[in-house]
Each structure stands twice: as structure tokens, then as C-alpha cells.
Amino acid sequence: PPRPAGRLLLTPQDSEAPARTLRLRRLGLGQQPEPALDAFADRL
């Protein structure tokens, strides 16, 4: 979206954020650290 001259958009608008938040809650994701995902990050 347009921004004032000299200012760059740092964070894009995210129209799917409300639906994503509900989906994450339903899946039980994104609220706490998970050892299996820490191990995945270690391997990555």
C-alpha cells in the first residue's frame, strides 16, 4: 500500500491474520515451545 515519501513499508498488511490465528488455536500451535520443533530447527 502507498506510504508517505521516504518511508518504506516494513511489515506487509496481512488480511489472513484473523483466520490464521483461529486455525493455529484449533491446531494447538504457536502458543508454547515444542521439543520436537526445536529438534527440527536444530537439524535445519
PDB file of all heavy atoms in Angstrom:
ATOM      1  N   PRO A   1       0.825  -1.198   0.000  1.00  0.00           N
ATOM      2  CA  PRO A   1       0.000   0.000   0.000  1.00  0.00           C
ATOM      3  C   PRO A   1       0.861   1.250   0.000  1.00  0.00           C
ATOM      4  O   PRO A   1       2.017   1.209   0.445  1.00  0.00           O
ATOM      5  CB  PRO A   1      -0.803  -0.112   1.291  1.00  0.00           C
ATOM      6  CG  PRO A   1       0.011  -0.985   2.161  1.00  0.00           C
ATOM      7  CD  PRO A   1       0.751  -1.920   1.252  1.00  0.00           C
ATOM      8  N   PRO A   2       0.344   2.371  -0.484  1.00  0.00           N
ATOM      9  CA  PRO A   2       1.130   3.596  -0.505  1.00  0.00           C
ATOM     10  C   PRO A   2       1.547   4.025   0.892  1.00  0.00           C
ATOM     11  O   PRO A   2       0.820   3.834   1.863  1.00  0.00           O
ATOM     12  CB  PRO A   2       0.181   4.625  -1.118  1.00  0.00           C
ATOM     13  CG  PRO A   2      -0.929   3.856  -1.715  1.00  0.00           C
ATOM     14  CD  PRO A   2      -0.988   2.538  -1.025  1.00  0.00           C
ATOM     15  N   ARG A   3       2.748   4.577   0.992  1.00  0.00           N
ATOM     16  CA  ARG A   3       3.261   5.118   2.247  1.00  0.00           C
ATOM     17  C   ARG A   3       3.774   6.527   1.982  1.00  0.00           C
ATOM     18  O   ARG A   3       4.093   6.869   0.852  1.00  0.00           O
ATOM     19  CB  ARG A   3       4.430   4.258   2.758  1.00  0.00           C
ATOM     20  CG  ARG A   3       4.044   2.828   3.081  1.00  0.00           C
ATOM     21  CD  ARG A   3       3.237   2.757   4.323  1.00  0.00           C
ATOM     22  NE  ARG A   3       4.127   2.718   5.484  1.00  0.00           N
ATOM     23  CZ  ARG A   3       3.716   2.527   6.700  1.00  0.00           C
ATOM     24  NH1 ARG A   3       2.454   2.392   6.952  1.00  0.00           N
ATOM     25  NH2 ARG A   3       4.563   2.503   7.695  1.00  0.00           N
ATOM     26  N   PRO A   4       3.906   7.338   3.029  1.00  0.00           N
ATOM     27  CA  PRO A   4       4.452   8.672   2.825  1.00  0.00           C
ATOM     28  C   PRO A   4       5.842   8.605   2.198  1.00  0.00           C
ATOM     29  O   PRO A   4       6.570   7.646   2.386  1.00  0.00           O
ATOM     30  CB  PRO A   4       4.535   9.245   4.248  1.00  0.00           C
ATOM     31  CG  PRO A   4       3.583   8.431   5.047  1.00  0.00           C
ATOM     32  CD  PRO A   4       3.540   7.071   4.404  1.00  0.00           C
ATOM     33  N   ALA A   5       6.211   9.639   1.449  1.00  0.00           N
ATOM     34  CA  ALA A   5       7.513   9.684   0.789  1.00  0.00           C
ATOM     35  C   ALA A   5       8.619   9.481   1.811  1.00  0.00           C
ATOM     36  O   ALA A   5       8.584  10.003   2.922  1.00  0.00           O
ATOM     37  CB  ALA A   5       7.686  11.020   0.082  1.00  0.00           C
ATOM     38  N   GLY A   6       9.616   8.690   1.436  1.00  0.00           N
ATOM     39  CA  GLY A   6      10.754   8.453   2.309  1.00  0.00           C
ATOM     40  C   GLY A   6      10.547   7.349   3.322  1.00  0.00           C
ATOM     41  O   GLY A   6      11.464   7.013   4.050  1.00  0.00           O
ATOM     42  N   ARG A   7       9.373   6.739   3.372  1.00  0.00           N
ATOM     43  CA  ARG A   7       9.111   5.659   4.316  1.00  0.00           C
ATOM     44  C   ARG A   7       8.797   4.393   3.545  1.00  0.00           C
ATOM     45  O   ARG A   7       7.928   4.384   2.690  1.00  0.00           O
ATOM     46  CB  ARG A   7       7.913   5.999   5.214  1.00  0.00           C
ATOM     47  CG  ARG A   7       8.103   7.175   6.116  1.00  0.00           C
ATOM     48  CD  ARG A   7       8.973   6.871   7.294  1.00  0.00           C
ATOM     49  NE  ARG A   7       8.346   5.799   8.072  1.00  0.00           N
ATOM     50  CZ  ARG A   7       8.952   5.191   9.058  1.00  0.00           C
ATOM     51  NH1 ARG A   7      10.158   5.499   9.384  1.00  0.00           N
ATOM     52  NH2 ARG A   7       8.338   4.251   9.722  1.00  0.00           N
ATOM     53  N   LEU A   8       9.499   3.331   3.850  1.00  0.00           N
ATOM     54  CA  LEU A   8       9.239   2.047   3.216  1.00  0.00           C
ATOM     55  C   LEU A   8       8.342   1.216   4.122  1.00  0.00           C
ATOM     56  O   LEU A   8       8.465   1.284   5.345  1.00  0.00           O
ATOM     57  CB  LEU A   8      10.546   1.293   2.981  1.00  0.00           C
ATOM     58  CG  LEU A   8      11.491   1.910   1.965  1.00  0.00           C
ATOM     59  CD1 LEU A   8      12.801   1.133   1.941  1.00  0.00           C
ATOM     60  CD2 LEU A   8      10.873   1.954   0.593  1.00  0.00           C
ATOM     61  N   LEU A   9       7.477   0.436   3.522  1.00  0.00           N
ATOM     62  CA  LEU A   9       6.630  -0.468   4.292  1.00  0.00           C
ATOM     63  C   LEU A   9       7.503  -1.592   4.836  1.00  0.00           C
ATOM     64  O   LEU A   9       8.112  -2.330   4.080  1.00  0.00           O
ATOM     65  CB  LEU A   9       5.526  -1.049   3.408  1.00  0.00           C
ATOM     66  CG  LEU A   9       4.635  -2.093   4.075  1.00  0.00           C
ATOM     67  CD1 LEU A   9       3.791  -1.434   5.143  1.00  0.00           C
ATOM     68  CD2 LEU A   9       3.768  -2.772   3.048  1.00  0.00           C
ATOM     69  N   LEU A  10       7.616  -1.702   6.143  1.00  0.00           N
ATOM     70  CA  LEU A  10       8.443  -2.741   6.740  1.00  0.00           C
ATOM     71  C   LEU A  10       7.675  -4.033   6.952  1.00  0.00           C
ATOM     72  O   LEU A  10       8.228  -5.106   6.851  1.00  0.00           O
ATOM     73  CB  LEU A  10       9.020  -2.259   8.068  1.00  0.00           C
ATOM     74  CG  LEU A  10       9.945  -1.055   7.984  1.00  0.00           C
ATOM     75  CD1 LEU A  10      10.461  -0.685   9.370  1.00  0.00           C
ATOM     76  CD2 LEU A  10      11.095  -1.327   7.052  1.00  0.00           C
ATOM     77  N   THR A  11       6.405  -3.933   7.285  1.00  0.00           N
ATOM     78  CA  THR A  11       5.592  -5.112   7.537  1.00  0.00           C
ATOM     79  C   THR A  11       4.377  -5.076   6.614  1.00  0.00           C
ATOM     80  O   THR A  11       3.602  -4.122   6.657  1.00  0.00           O
ATOM     81  CB  THR A  11       5.121  -5.149   9.003  1.00  0.00           C
ATOM     82  OG1 THR A  11       6.270  -5.023   9.847  1.00  0.00           O
ATOM     83  CG2 THR A  11       4.422  -6.448   9.314  1.00  0.00           C
ATOM     84  N   PRO A  12       4.211  -6.087   5.780  1.00  0.00           N
ATOM     85  CA  PRO A  12       3.074  -6.082   4.862  1.00  0.00           C
ATOM     86  C   PRO A  12       1.747  -6.266   5.586  1.00  0.00           C
ATOM     87  O   PRO A  12       1.690  -6.872   6.659  1.00  0.00           O
ATOM     88  CB  PRO A  12       3.353  -7.268   3.936  1.00  0.00           C
ATOM     89  CG  PRO A  12       4.218  -8.175   4.748  1.00  0.00           C
ATOM     90  CD  PRO A  12       5.027  -7.295   5.650  1.00  0.00           C
ATOM     91  N   GLN A  13       0.686  -5.731   4.991  1.00  0.00           N
ATOM     92  CA  GLN A  13      -0.645  -5.954   5.545  1.00  0.00           C
ATOM     93  C   GLN A  13      -0.990  -7.429   5.387  1.00  0.00           C
ATOM     94  O   GLN A  13      -0.686  -8.046   4.371  1.00  0.00           O
ATOM     95  CB  GLN A  13      -1.671  -5.092   4.822  1.00  0.00           C
ATOM     96  CG  GLN A  13      -1.520  -3.621   5.124  1.00  0.00           C
ATOM     97  CD  GLN A  13      -2.573  -2.784   4.436  1.00  0.00           C
ATOM     98  OE1 GLN A  13      -3.283  -3.254   3.541  1.00  0.00           O
ATOM     99  NE2 GLN A  13      -2.681  -1.541   4.839  1.00  0.00           N
ATOM    100  N   ASP A  14      -1.635  -7.979   6.400  1.00  0.00           N
ATOM    101  CA  ASP A  14      -1.919  -9.414   6.436  1.00  0.00           C
ATOM    102  C   ASP A  14      -3.409  -9.627   6.686  1.00  0.00           C
ATOM    103  O   ASP A  14      -3.850  -9.737   7.825  1.00  0.00           O
ATOM    104  CB  ASP A  14      -1.078 -10.057   7.536  1.00  0.00           C
ATOM    105  CG  ASP A  14      -1.222 -11.564   7.598  1.00  0.00           C
ATOM    106  OD1 ASP A  14      -1.980 -12.142   6.792  1.00  0.00           O
ATOM    107  OD2 ASP A  14      -0.576 -12.167   8.468  1.00  0.00           O
ATOM    108  N   SER A  15      -4.178  -9.692   5.616  1.00  0.00           N
ATOM    109  CA  SER A  15      -5.629  -9.829   5.758  1.00  0.00           C
ATOM    110  C   SER A  15      -6.043 -11.210   6.258  1.00  0.00           C
ATOM    111  O   SER A  15      -7.164 -11.382   6.718  1.00  0.00           O
ATOM    112  CB  SER A  15      -6.317  -9.529   4.420  1.00  0.00           C
ATOM    113  OG  SER A  15      -5.902 -10.462   3.438  1.00  0.00           O
ATOM    114  N   GLU A  16      -5.165 -12.198   6.178  1.00  0.00           N
ATOM    115  CA  GLU A  16      -5.493 -13.545   6.633  1.00  0.00           C
ATOM    116  C   GLU A  16      -5.157 -13.782   8.104  1.00  0.00           C
ATOM    117  O   GLU A  16      -5.383 -14.873   8.630  1.00  0.00           O
ATOM    118  CB  GLU A  16      -4.773 -14.586   5.767  1.00  0.00           C
ATOM    119  CG  GLU A  16      -5.265 -14.605   4.332  1.00  0.00           C
ATOM    120  CD  GLU A  16      -4.596 -15.692   3.503  1.00  0.00           C
ATOM    121  OE1 GLU A  16      -3.631 -16.328   3.974  1.00  0.00           O
ATOM    122  OE2 GLU A  16      -5.044 -15.889   2.375  1.00  0.00           O
ATOM    123  N   ALA A  17      -4.599 -12.782   8.781  1.00  0.00           N
ATOM    124  CA  ALA A  17      -4.168 -12.971  10.170  1.00  0.00           C
ATOM    125  C   ALA A  17      -5.287 -13.457  11.094  1.00  0.00           C
ATOM    126  O   ALA A  17      -5.052 -14.368  11.899  1.00  0.00           O
ATOM    127  CB  ALA A  17      -3.537 -11.692  10.716  1.00  0.00           C
ATOM    128  N   PRO A  18      -6.515 -12.897  11.042  1.00  0.00           N
ATOM    129  CA  PRO A  18      -7.562 -13.403  11.951  1.00  0.00           C
ATOM    130  C   PRO A  18      -7.886 -14.882  11.714  1.00  0.00           C
ATOM    131  O   PRO A  18      -8.012 -15.652  12.681  1.00  0.00           O
ATOM    132  CB  PRO A  18      -8.768 -12.510  11.637  1.00  0.00           C
ATOM    133  CG  PRO A  18      -8.168 -11.249  11.096  1.00  0.00           C
ATOM    134  CD  PRO A  18      -6.964 -11.689  10.310  1.00  0.00           C
ATOM    135  N   ALA A  19      -7.985 -15.293  10.458  1.00  0.00           N
ATOM    136  CA  ALA A  19      -8.279 -16.699  10.163  1.00  0.00           C
ATOM    137  C   ALA A  19      -7.105 -17.587  10.564  1.00  0.00           C
ATOM    138  O   ALA A  19      -7.299 -18.695  11.077  1.00  0.00           O
ATOM    139  CB  ALA A  19      -8.583 -16.867   8.671  1.00  0.00           C
ATOM    140  N   ARG A  20      -5.885 -17.116  10.352  1.00  0.00           N
ATOM    141  CA  ARG A  20      -4.710 -17.886  10.741  1.00  0.00           C
ATOM    142  C   ARG A  20      -4.660 -18.067  12.259  1.00  0.00           C
ATOM    143  O   ARG A  20      -4.349 -19.156  12.751  1.00  0.00           O
ATOM    144  CB  ARG A  20      -3.434 -17.199  10.272  1.00  0.00           C
ATOM    145  CG  ARG A  20      -2.162 -17.969  10.661  1.00  0.00           C
ATOM    146  CD  ARG A  20      -0.872 -17.298  10.219  1.00  0.00           C
ATOM    147  NE  ARG A  20      -0.969 -16.870   8.857  1.00  0.00           N
ATOM    148  CZ  ARG A  20      -1.127 -15.584   8.488  1.00  0.00           C
ATOM    149  NH1 ARG A  20      -1.167 -14.632   9.402  1.00  0.00           N
ATOM    150  NH2 ARG A  20      -1.228 -15.266   7.216  1.00  0.00           N
ATOM    151  N   THR A  21      -4.976 -17.021  12.992  1.00  0.00           N
ATOM    152  CA  THR A  21      -4.967 -17.096  14.452  1.00  0.00           C
ATOM    153  C   THR A  21      -5.941 -18.162  14.939  1.00  0.00           C
ATOM    154  O   THR A  21      -5.606 -18.981  15.806  1.00  0.00           O
ATOM    155  CB  THR A  21      -5.323 -15.724  15.057  1.00  0.00           C
ATOM    156  OG1 THR A  21      -4.355 -14.765  14.620  1.00  0.00           O
ATOM    157  CG2 THR A  21      -5.342 -15.771  16.577  1.00  0.00           C
ATOM    158  N   LEU A  22      -7.138 -18.191  14.366  1.00  0.00           N
ATOM    159  CA  LEU A  22      -8.118 -19.219  14.740  1.00  0.00           C
ATOM    160  C   LEU A  22      -7.629 -20.612  14.376  1.00  0.00           C
ATOM    161  O   LEU A  22      -7.772 -21.562  15.160  1.00  0.00           O
ATOM    162  CB  LEU A  22      -9.461 -18.940  14.052  1.00  0.00           C
ATOM    163  CG  LEU A  22     -10.237 -17.738  14.570  1.00  0.00           C
ATOM    164  CD1 LEU A  22     -11.475 -17.497  13.711  1.00  0.00           C
ATOM    165  CD2 LEU A  22     -10.627 -17.940  16.026  1.00  0.00           C
ATOM    166  N   ARG A  23      -7.045 -20.752  13.192  1.00  0.00           N
ATOM    167  CA  ARG A  23      -6.546 -22.053  12.745  1.00  0.00           C
ATOM    168  C   ARG A  23      -5.428 -22.548  13.668  1.00  0.00           C
ATOM    169  O   ARG A  23      -5.405 -23.716  14.060  1.00  0.00           O
ATOM    170  CB  ARG A  23      -6.060 -21.948  11.305  1.00  0.00           C
ATOM    171  CG  ARG A  23      -5.508 -23.224  10.720  1.00  0.00           C
ATOM    172  CD  ARG A  23      -6.608 -24.146  10.274  1.00  0.00           C
ATOM    173  NE  ARG A  23      -6.046 -25.286   9.577  1.00  0.00           N
ATOM    174  CZ  ARG A  23      -6.469 -26.526   9.723  1.00  0.00           C
ATOM    175  NH1 ARG A  23      -7.500 -26.783  10.501  1.00  0.00           N
ATOM    176  NH2 ARG A  23      -5.910 -27.509   9.074  1.00  0.00           N
ATOM    177  N   LEU A  24      -4.510 -21.665  14.021  1.00  0.00           N
ATOM    178  CA  LEU A  24      -3.423 -22.058  14.923  1.00  0.00           C
ATOM    179  C   LEU A  24      -3.964 -22.504  16.278  1.00  0.00           C
ATOM    180  O   LEU A  24      -3.491 -23.496  16.847  1.00  0.00           O
ATOM    181  CB  LEU A  24      -2.430 -20.907  15.097  1.00  0.00           C
ATOM    182  CG  LEU A  24      -1.538 -20.599  13.896  1.00  0.00           C
ATOM    183  CD1 LEU A  24      -0.784 -19.295  14.105  1.00  0.00           C
ATOM    184  CD2 LEU A  24      -0.573 -21.747  13.618  1.00  0.00           C
ATOM    185  N   ARG A  25      -4.958 -21.797  16.786  1.00  0.00           N
ATOM    186  CA  ARG A  25      -5.551 -22.191  18.078  1.00  0.00           C
ATOM    187  C   ARG A  25      -6.216 -23.556  17.974  1.00  0.00           C
ATOM    188  O   ARG A  25      -6.103 -24.384  18.883  1.00  0.00           O
ATOM    189  CB  ARG A  25      -6.554 -21.142  18.539  1.00  0.00           C
ATOM    190  CG  ARG A  25      -5.871 -19.893  19.045  1.00  0.00           C
ATOM    191  CD  ARG A  25      -6.854 -18.893  19.597  1.00  0.00           C
ATOM    192  NE  ARG A  25      -6.164 -17.673  19.974  1.00  0.00           N
ATOM    193  CZ  ARG A  25      -6.685 -16.467  19.896  1.00  0.00           C
ATOM    194  NH1 ARG A  25      -7.916 -16.301  19.477  1.00  0.00           N
ATOM    195  NH2 ARG A  25      -5.979 -15.413  20.253  1.00  0.00           N
ATOM    196  N   ARG A  26      -6.916 -23.793  16.875  1.00  0.00           N
ATOM    197  CA  ARG A  26      -7.575 -25.093  16.692  1.00  0.00           C
ATOM    198  C   ARG A  26      -6.555 -26.220  16.621  1.00  0.00           C
ATOM    199  O   ARG A  26      -6.814 -27.326  17.089  1.00  0.00           O
ATOM    200  CB  ARG A  26      -8.431 -25.082  15.426  1.00  0.00           C
ATOM    201  CG  ARG A  26      -9.702 -24.294  15.574  1.00  0.00           C
ATOM    202  CD  ARG A  26     -10.533 -24.378  14.312  1.00  0.00           C
ATOM    203  NE  ARG A  26     -11.721 -23.574  14.458  1.00  0.00           N
ATOM    204  CZ  ARG A  26     -12.178 -22.751  13.538  1.00  0.00           C
ATOM    205  NH1 ARG A  26     -11.551 -22.612  12.384  1.00  0.00           N
ATOM    206  NH2 ARG A  26     -13.272 -22.053  13.756  1.00  0.00           N
ATOM    207  N   LEU A  27      -5.399 -25.932  16.017  1.00  0.00           N
ATOM    208  CA  LEU A  27      -4.358 -26.945  15.883  1.00  0.00           C
ATOM    209  C   LEU A  27      -3.465 -27.032  17.115  1.00  0.00           C
ATOM    210  O   LEU A  27      -2.631 -27.932  17.219  1.00  0.00           O
ATOM    211  CB  LEU A  27      -3.497 -26.642  14.646  1.00  0.00           C
ATOM    212  CG  LEU A  27      -4.209 -26.715  13.299  1.00  0.00           C
ATOM    213  CD1 LEU A  27      -3.291 -26.231  12.198  1.00  0.00           C
ATOM    214  CD2 LEU A  27      -4.699 -28.131  13.019  1.00  0.00           C
ATOM    215  N   GLY A  28      -3.627 -26.095  18.047  1.00  0.00           N
ATOM    216  CA  GLY A  28      -2.792 -26.090  19.237  1.00  0.00           C
ATOM    217  C   GLY A  28      -1.347 -25.712  18.954  1.00  0.00           C
ATOM    218  O   GLY A  28      -0.430 -26.186  19.622  1.00  0.00           O
ATOM    219  N   LEU A  29      -1.144 -24.865  17.960  1.00  0.00           N
ATOM    220  CA  LEU A  29       0.210 -24.476  17.553  1.00  0.00           C
ATOM    221  C   LEU A  29       0.466 -23.006  17.858  1.00  0.00           C
ATOM    222  O   LEU A  29      -0.444 -22.193  17.868  1.00  0.00           O
ATOM    223  CB  LEU A  29       0.404 -24.712  16.052  1.00  0.00           C
ATOM    224  CG  LEU A  29       0.343 -26.163  15.582  1.00  0.00           C
ATOM    225  CD1 LEU A  29       0.313 -26.219  14.062  1.00  0.00           C
ATOM    226  CD2 LEU A  29       1.512 -26.959  16.137  1.00  0.00           C
ATOM    227  N   GLY A  30       1.730 -22.692  18.086  1.00  0.00           N
ATOM    228  CA  GLY A  30       2.142 -21.303  18.214  1.00  0.00           C
ATOM    229  C   GLY A  30       1.930 -20.681  19.568  1.00  0.00           C
ATOM    230  O   GLY A  30       2.008 -19.460  19.702  1.00  0.00           O
ATOM    231  N   GLN A  31       1.698 -21.484  20.595  1.00  0.00           N
ATOM    232  CA  GLN A  31       1.479 -20.947  21.937  1.00  0.00           C
ATOM    233  C   GLN A  31       2.594 -21.313  22.910  1.00  0.00           C
ATOM    234  O   GLN A  31       2.746 -20.667  23.935  1.00  0.00           O
ATOM    235  CB  GLN A  31       0.139 -21.446  22.491  1.00  0.00           C
ATOM    236  CG  GLN A  31      -1.056 -21.034  21.667  1.00  0.00           C
ATOM    237  CD  GLN A  31      -1.218 -19.521  21.598  1.00  0.00           C
ATOM    238  OE1 GLN A  31      -1.123 -18.843  22.615  1.00  0.00           O
ATOM    239  NE2 GLN A  31      -1.423 -18.986  20.413  1.00  0.00           N
ATOM    240  N   GLN A  32       3.339 -22.382  22.607  1.00  0.00           N
ATOM    241  CA  GLN A  32       4.374 -22.831  23.525  1.00  0.00           C
ATOM    242  C   GLN A  32       5.503 -23.492  22.739  1.00  0.00           C
ATOM    243  O   GLN A  32       5.285 -23.979  21.633  1.00  0.00           O
ATOM    244  CB  GLN A  32       3.808 -23.821  24.538  1.00  0.00           C
ATOM    245  CG  GLN A  32       3.246 -25.068  23.886  1.00  0.00           C
ATOM    246  CD  GLN A  32       2.497 -25.928  24.885  1.00  0.00           C
ATOM    247  OE1 GLN A  32       2.212 -25.498  25.997  1.00  0.00           O
ATOM    248  NE2 GLN A  32       2.179 -27.141  24.496  1.00  0.00           N
ATOM    249  N   PRO A  33       6.716 -23.499  23.313  1.00  0.00           N
ATOM    250  CA  PRO A  33       7.823 -24.201  22.661  1.00  0.00           C
ATOM    251  C   PRO A  33       7.509 -25.690  22.569  1.00  0.00           C
ATOM    252  O   PRO A  33       6.849 -26.245  23.448  1.00  0.00           O
ATOM    253  CB  PRO A  33       9.006 -23.962  23.600  1.00  0.00           C
ATOM    254  CG  PRO A  33       8.607 -22.810  24.446  1.00  0.00           C
ATOM    255  CD  PRO A  33       7.123 -22.841  24.555  1.00  0.00           C
ATOM    256  N   GLU A  34       7.978 -26.316  21.512  1.00  0.00           N
ATOM    257  CA  GLU A  34       7.757 -27.744  21.334  1.00  0.00           C
ATOM    258  C   GLU A  34       9.097 -28.423  21.105  1.00  0.00           C
ATOM    259  O   GLU A  34       9.789 -28.088  20.139  1.00  0.00           O
ATOM    260  CB  GLU A  34       6.805 -28.000  20.172  1.00  0.00           C
ATOM    261  CG  GLU A  34       5.447 -27.363  20.393  1.00  0.00           C
ATOM    262  CD  GLU A  34       4.369 -27.963  19.517  1.00  0.00           C
ATOM    263  OE1 GLU A  34       4.519 -29.118  19.089  1.00  0.00           O
ATOM    264  OE2 GLU A  34       3.390 -27.254  19.278  1.00  0.00           O
ATOM    265  N   PRO A  35       9.470 -29.365  21.961  1.00  0.00           N
ATOM    266  CA  PRO A  35      10.761 -30.037  21.812  1.00  0.00           C
ATOM    267  C   PRO A  35      10.979 -30.647  20.427  1.00  0.00           C
ATOM    268  O   PRO A  35      12.086 -30.582  19.890  1.00  0.00           O
ATOM    269  CB  PRO A  35      10.739 -31.116  22.901  1.00  0.00           C
ATOM    270  CG  PRO A  35       9.820 -30.554  23.946  1.00  0.00           C
ATOM    271  CD  PRO A  35       8.773 -29.796  23.174  1.00  0.00           C
ATOM    272  N   ALA A  36       9.937 -31.225  19.838  1.00  0.00           N
ATOM    273  CA  ALA A  36      10.092 -31.818  18.503  1.00  0.00           C
ATOM    274  C   ALA A  36      10.412 -30.751  17.458  1.00  0.00           C
ATOM    275  O   ALA A  36      11.193 -30.998  16.527  1.00  0.00           O
ATOM    276  CB  ALA A  36       8.829 -32.582  18.112  1.00  0.00           C
ATOM    277  N   LEU A  37       9.837 -29.562  17.614  1.00  0.00           N
ATOM    278  CA  LEU A  37      10.121 -28.484  16.663  1.00  0.00           C
ATOM    279  C   LEU A  37      11.478 -27.848  16.942  1.00  0.00           C
ATOM    280  O   LEU A  37      12.158 -27.388  16.008  1.00  0.00           O
ATOM    281  CB  LEU A  37       8.998 -27.454  16.673  1.00  0.00           C
ATOM    282  CG  LEU A  37       7.645 -27.976  16.182  1.00  0.00           C
ATOM    283  CD1 LEU A  37       6.598 -26.874  16.213  1.00  0.00           C
ATOM    284  CD2 LEU A  37       7.755 -28.583  14.788  1.00  0.00           C
ATOM    285  N   ASP A  38      11.906 -27.827  18.197  1.00  0.00           N
ATOM    286  CA  ASP A  38      13.272 -27.398  18.498  1.00  0.00           C
ATOM    287  C   ASP A  38      14.270 -28.348  17.841  1.00  0.00           C
ATOM    288  O   ASP A  38      15.278 -27.915  17.267  1.00  0.00           O
ATOM    289  CB  ASP A  38      13.515 -27.367  20.006  1.00  0.00           C
ATOM    290  CG  ASP A  38      12.929 -26.135  20.687  1.00  0.00           C
ATOM    291  OD1 ASP A  38      12.636 -25.134  19.999  1.00  0.00           O
ATOM    292  OD2 ASP A  38      12.766 -26.179  21.919  1.00  0.00           O
ATOM    293  N   ALA A  39      14.007 -29.650  17.916  1.00  0.00           N
ATOM    294  CA  ALA A  39      14.890 -30.635  17.292  1.00  0.00           C
ATOM    295  C   ALA A  39      14.899 -30.458  15.769  1.00  0.00           C
ATOM    296  O   ALA A  39      15.943 -30.584  15.128  1.00  0.00           O
ATOM    297  CB  ALA A  39      14.462 -32.052  17.676  1.00  0.00           C
ATOM    298  N   PHE A  40      13.736 -30.168  15.205  1.00  0.00           N
ATOM    299  CA  PHE A  40      13.645 -29.895  13.771  1.00  0.00           C
ATOM    300  C   PHE A  40      14.510 -28.686  13.411  1.00  0.00           C
ATOM    301  O   PHE A  40      15.259 -28.702  12.433  1.00  0.00           O
ATOM    302  CB  PHE A  40      12.180 -29.645  13.391  1.00  0.00           C
ATOM    303  CG  PHE A  40      11.962 -29.379  11.934  1.00  0.00           C
ATOM    304  CD1 PHE A  40      11.699 -30.414  11.054  1.00  0.00           C
ATOM    305  CD2 PHE A  40      12.002 -28.083  11.438  1.00  0.00           C
ATOM    306  CE1 PHE A  40      11.492 -30.162   9.703  1.00  0.00           C
ATOM    307  CE2 PHE A  40      11.800 -27.822  10.093  1.00  0.00           C
ATOM    308  CZ  PHE A  40      11.546 -28.872   9.222  1.00  0.00           C
ATOM    309  N   ALA A  41      14.422 -27.614  14.214  1.00  0.00           N
ATOM    310  CA  ALA A  41      15.231 -26.417  13.965  1.00  0.00           C
ATOM    311  C   ALA A  41      16.718 -26.719  14.107  1.00  0.00           C
ATOM    312  O   ALA A  41      17.535 -26.219  13.321  1.00  0.00           O
ATOM    313  CB  ALA A  41      14.807 -25.299  14.917  1.00  0.00           C
ATOM    314  N   ASP A  42      17.087 -27.553  15.078  1.00  0.00           N
ATOM    315  CA  ASP A  42      18.487 -27.950  15.232  1.00  0.00           C
ATOM    316  C   ASP A  42      18.991 -28.657  13.976  1.00  0.00           C
ATOM    317  O   ASP A  42      20.097 -28.372  13.489  1.00  0.00           O
ATOM    318  CB  ASP A  42      18.668 -28.878  16.441  1.00  0.00           C
ATOM    319  CG  ASP A  42      18.479 -28.181  17.782  1.00  0.00           C
ATOM    320  OD1 ASP A  42      18.546 -26.933  17.838  1.00  0.00           O
ATOM    321  OD2 ASP A  42      18.244 -28.905  18.775  1.00  0.00           O
ATOM    322  N   ARG A  43      18.205 -29.585  13.452  1.00  0.00           N
ATOM    323  CA  ARG A  43      18.602 -30.314  12.239  1.00  0.00           C
ATOM    324  C   ARG A  43      18.690 -29.376  11.039  1.00  0.00           C
ATOM    325  O   ARG A  43      19.591 -29.499  10.207  1.00  0.00           O
ATOM    326  CB  ARG A  43      17.635 -31.462  11.961  1.00  0.00           C
ATOM    327  CG  ARG A  43      17.756 -32.618  12.946  1.00  0.00           C
ATOM    328  CD  ARG A  43      16.963 -33.838  12.530  1.00  0.00           C
ATOM    329  NE  ARG A  43      15.552 -33.577  12.361  1.00  0.00           N
ATOM    330  CZ  ARG A  43      14.637 -33.609  13.326  1.00  0.00           C
ATOM    331  NH1 ARG A  43      14.998 -33.890  14.564  1.00  0.00           N
ATOM    332  NH2 ARG A  43      13.371 -33.372  13.071  1.00  0.00           N
ATOM    333  N   LEU A  44      17.754 -28.426  10.959  1.00  0.00           N
ATOM    334  CA  LEU A  44      17.764 -27.473   9.851  1.00  0.00           C
ATOM    335  C   LEU A  44      19.004 -26.578   9.914  1.00  0.00           C
ATOM    336  O   LEU A  44      19.643 -26.307   8.888  1.00  0.00           O
ATOM    337  CB  LEU A  44      16.491 -26.631   9.868  1.00  0.00           C
ATOM    338  CG  LEU A  44      16.324 -25.626   8.735  1.00  0.00           C
ATOM    339  CD1 LEU A  44      16.360 -26.301   7.372  1.00  0.00           C
ATOM    340  CD2 LEU A  44      15.025 -24.840   8.919  1.00  0.00           C
TER     341      LEU A  44
END
